[in-house]
N, C-alpha and C. Protein backbone atom coordinates (compact mmCIF):
# COMPACT_ATOMS: atom_id res chain seq x y z
N UNK A 1 188.50 -12.54 102.15
CA UNK A 1 188.47 -12.51 103.61
C UNK A 1 187.53 -11.49 104.08
N UNK A 2 187.44 -10.50 103.45
CA UNK A 2 186.55 -9.18 104.10
C UNK A 2 184.99 -9.34 103.16
N UNK A 3 184.66 -10.43 102.48
CA UNK A 3 183.42 -10.33 101.76
C UNK A 3 182.36 -10.48 102.63
N UNK A 4 182.18 -10.71 103.90
CA UNK A 4 180.92 -10.60 104.57
C UNK A 4 181.44 -10.01 106.10
N UNK A 5 181.54 -8.71 106.24
CA UNK A 5 181.89 -8.14 107.68
C UNK A 5 180.87 -7.09 107.95
N UNK A 6 180.97 -6.74 109.07
CA UNK A 6 180.24 -5.46 109.82
C UNK A 6 181.04 -4.48 110.30
N UNK A 7 180.59 -3.41 110.21
CA UNK A 7 181.41 -2.38 110.73
C UNK A 7 180.92 -1.97 112.29
N UNK A 8 181.70 -2.21 113.26
CA UNK A 8 181.16 -2.06 114.64
C UNK A 8 181.42 -0.55 115.14
N UNK A 9 182.31 0.18 114.59
CA UNK A 9 182.36 1.34 115.02
C UNK A 9 183.34 2.18 114.05
N UNK A 10 183.47 3.37 114.16
CA UNK A 10 184.02 4.26 113.20
C UNK A 10 184.79 5.41 114.02
N UNK A 11 185.95 5.72 113.83
CA UNK A 11 186.44 7.02 114.75
C UNK A 11 187.51 7.66 113.71
N UNK A 12 187.90 8.93 113.89
CA UNK A 12 188.63 9.59 113.12
C UNK A 12 189.92 10.20 114.08
N UNK A 13 190.94 9.84 113.56
CA UNK A 13 192.34 10.15 114.14
C UNK A 13 193.21 11.11 113.31
N UNK A 14 193.57 12.27 114.10
CA UNK A 14 194.70 12.82 113.34
C UNK A 14 196.16 12.70 113.61
N UNK A 15 196.91 12.65 112.64
CA UNK A 15 198.30 12.51 113.17
C UNK A 15 199.13 13.13 112.08
N UNK A 16 200.17 13.98 112.46
CA UNK A 16 201.04 14.74 111.84
C UNK A 16 200.12 15.53 110.68
N UNK A 17 199.18 16.30 111.17
CA UNK A 17 198.38 17.12 110.41
C UNK A 17 197.50 16.41 109.35
N UNK A 18 197.43 15.00 109.34
CA UNK A 18 196.69 14.53 108.49
C UNK A 18 195.46 13.88 109.24
N UNK A 19 194.40 13.40 108.56
CA UNK A 19 193.30 12.53 109.24
C UNK A 19 193.22 11.24 108.79
N UNK A 20 192.78 10.41 109.55
CA UNK A 20 192.47 8.93 108.97
C UNK A 20 191.13 8.72 109.73
N UNK A 21 190.30 7.89 108.82
CA UNK A 21 189.21 6.98 109.41
C UNK A 21 189.65 5.77 109.41
N UNK A 22 189.23 5.37 110.84
CA UNK A 22 189.38 3.91 111.25
C UNK A 22 188.17 3.30 111.47
N UNK A 23 187.91 1.92 110.77
CA UNK A 23 186.62 1.26 110.87
C UNK A 23 186.90 0.13 111.60
N UNK A 24 186.39 -0.12 112.69
CA UNK A 24 186.51 -1.53 113.36
C UNK A 24 185.56 -2.50 112.74
N UNK A 25 185.99 -3.54 112.24
CA UNK A 25 185.24 -4.57 111.60
C UNK A 25 185.20 -5.93 112.28
N UNK A 26 184.08 -6.77 112.20
CA UNK A 26 183.94 -8.09 112.61
C UNK A 26 183.31 -8.84 111.65
N UNK A 27 183.69 -10.19 111.50
CA UNK A 27 183.09 -11.01 110.48
C UNK A 27 182.07 -12.12 111.30
N UNK A 28 181.97 -11.91 112.60
CA UNK A 28 181.32 -12.89 113.46
C UNK A 28 179.86 -12.31 113.42
N UNK A 29 178.71 -13.00 113.71
CA UNK A 29 177.56 -12.72 113.74
C UNK A 29 177.31 -12.03 115.41
N UNK A 30 177.71 -12.77 116.19
CA UNK A 30 177.53 -12.40 117.77
C UNK A 30 178.73 -11.66 118.28
N UNK A 31 178.61 -10.81 119.20
CA UNK A 31 179.75 -10.25 119.98
C UNK A 31 179.78 -8.73 119.51
N UNK A 32 180.44 -8.09 120.33
CA UNK A 32 180.39 -6.50 120.47
C UNK A 32 181.85 -6.41 119.85
N UNK A 33 182.42 -5.42 120.53
CA UNK A 33 183.82 -5.03 120.00
C UNK A 33 184.85 -6.24 120.52
N UNK A 34 184.40 -7.06 121.47
CA UNK A 34 185.26 -8.34 121.70
C UNK A 34 185.63 -9.05 120.49
N UNK A 35 184.87 -9.13 119.40
CA UNK A 35 185.16 -9.91 118.22
C UNK A 35 185.83 -9.43 117.15
N UNK A 36 185.90 -7.90 117.43
CA UNK A 36 186.58 -7.26 116.26
C UNK A 36 188.12 -7.77 116.07
N UNK A 37 188.59 -8.09 114.92
CA UNK A 37 189.71 -8.63 114.59
C UNK A 37 190.55 -8.02 113.58
N UNK A 38 189.69 -7.04 112.87
CA UNK A 38 190.19 -6.23 111.74
C UNK A 38 189.78 -4.62 111.82
N UNK A 39 190.79 -3.93 111.57
CA UNK A 39 190.44 -2.51 111.13
C UNK A 39 190.83 -2.12 109.60
N UNK A 40 189.93 -1.14 109.30
CA UNK A 40 190.29 -0.72 108.11
C UNK A 40 190.76 0.86 108.12
N UNK A 41 191.95 1.34 107.67
CA UNK A 41 192.58 2.64 108.00
C UNK A 41 192.31 3.38 106.46
N UNK A 42 191.60 4.29 106.34
CA UNK A 42 191.23 5.11 105.05
C UNK A 42 191.95 6.69 105.39
N UNK A 43 192.80 6.90 104.32
CA UNK A 43 193.41 8.25 104.40
C UNK A 43 192.46 9.40 103.73
N UNK A 44 193.05 10.45 103.86
CA UNK A 44 192.35 11.66 103.22
C UNK A 44 192.29 11.53 101.61
N UNK A 45 193.37 10.55 101.17
CA UNK A 45 193.14 10.46 99.63
C UNK A 45 192.25 9.42 99.33
N UNK A 46 191.41 8.74 100.32
CA UNK A 46 190.57 7.69 100.01
C UNK A 46 191.26 6.32 99.86
N UNK A 47 192.69 6.32 100.05
CA UNK A 47 193.22 4.92 100.13
C UNK A 47 193.00 4.23 101.30
N UNK A 48 192.53 3.00 101.35
CA UNK A 48 192.16 1.96 102.47
C UNK A 48 193.21 0.81 102.52
N UNK A 49 193.67 0.68 103.91
CA UNK A 49 194.50 -0.58 104.22
C UNK A 49 193.85 -1.26 105.02
N UNK A 50 193.57 -2.40 105.15
CA UNK A 50 193.33 -3.36 105.97
C UNK A 50 194.43 -3.88 107.16
N UNK A 51 193.96 -4.01 108.35
CA UNK A 51 194.82 -4.71 109.23
C UNK A 51 194.31 -5.96 110.03
N UNK A 52 194.98 -7.01 110.13
CA UNK A 52 194.34 -8.20 110.88
C UNK A 52 194.93 -8.59 112.03
N UNK A 53 194.14 -8.86 113.03
CA UNK A 53 195.09 -9.19 114.40
C UNK A 53 194.59 -10.67 114.75
N UNK A 54 195.64 -11.21 115.43
CA UNK A 54 195.37 -12.61 116.09
C UNK A 54 194.42 -12.76 117.31
N UNK A 55 194.16 -11.59 117.65
CA UNK A 55 193.35 -11.52 118.90
C UNK A 55 192.28 -10.25 118.97
N UNK A 56 191.23 -10.43 119.37
CA UNK A 56 190.27 -9.28 119.61
C UNK A 56 191.05 -7.90 120.12
N UNK A 57 190.37 -7.00 119.20
CA UNK A 57 190.99 -5.55 119.60
C UNK A 57 189.63 -4.91 120.42
N UNK A 58 190.30 -4.53 121.56
CA UNK A 58 189.08 -4.01 122.56
C UNK A 58 189.17 -2.70 123.16
N UNK A 59 189.86 -1.92 122.41
CA UNK A 59 190.17 -0.39 122.57
C UNK A 59 190.32 0.52 121.41
N UNK A 60 189.52 1.62 121.42
CA UNK A 60 189.57 2.54 120.16
C UNK A 60 190.95 3.10 120.15
N UNK A 61 191.58 3.29 121.24
CA UNK A 61 192.94 3.91 121.39
C UNK A 61 194.13 3.00 120.80
N UNK A 62 193.66 1.85 120.50
CA UNK A 62 194.68 0.83 119.78
C UNK A 62 194.85 1.25 118.43
N UNK A 63 194.07 2.13 117.73
CA UNK A 63 194.16 2.54 116.39
C UNK A 63 195.26 3.50 116.13
N UNK A 64 195.30 4.21 117.13
CA UNK A 64 196.34 5.53 117.02
C UNK A 64 197.72 4.75 116.97
N UNK A 65 198.10 3.82 117.66
CA UNK A 65 199.26 3.17 117.39
C UNK A 65 199.57 2.54 115.94
N UNK A 66 198.52 1.83 115.77
CA UNK A 66 198.44 1.41 114.15
C UNK A 66 198.91 2.42 113.08
N UNK A 67 198.25 3.66 113.34
CA UNK A 67 198.67 4.91 112.40
C UNK A 67 200.14 5.35 112.53
N UNK A 68 200.28 5.45 113.82
CA UNK A 68 201.71 5.84 113.96
C UNK A 68 202.94 5.15 113.53
N UNK A 69 202.62 3.78 113.48
CA UNK A 69 203.47 2.86 113.10
C UNK A 69 203.67 2.70 111.59
N UNK A 70 202.38 2.74 110.98
CA UNK A 70 202.28 2.44 109.48
C UNK A 70 202.19 3.80 108.63
N UNK A 71 202.01 4.92 109.04
CA UNK A 71 202.02 5.86 108.54
C UNK A 71 202.90 7.17 108.97
N UNK A 72 204.00 6.90 109.54
CA UNK A 72 204.89 7.82 110.10
C UNK A 72 205.57 8.70 109.15
């Protein structure tokens, strides 16, 4: 699934005194953030989880909701 992707952007988010690195990934050659359908969340322990979405992600703020939901 992730054998050929590009990182479109990276941001760091803190939640409950922990930090998370969020990378916005795309596997299409064209398009900007409008073609991002995956994010990779890396914890301070260097463990990474990938999340796939049915429609493009167009806001970096969206990542905070993912972290609050999956790392509560």
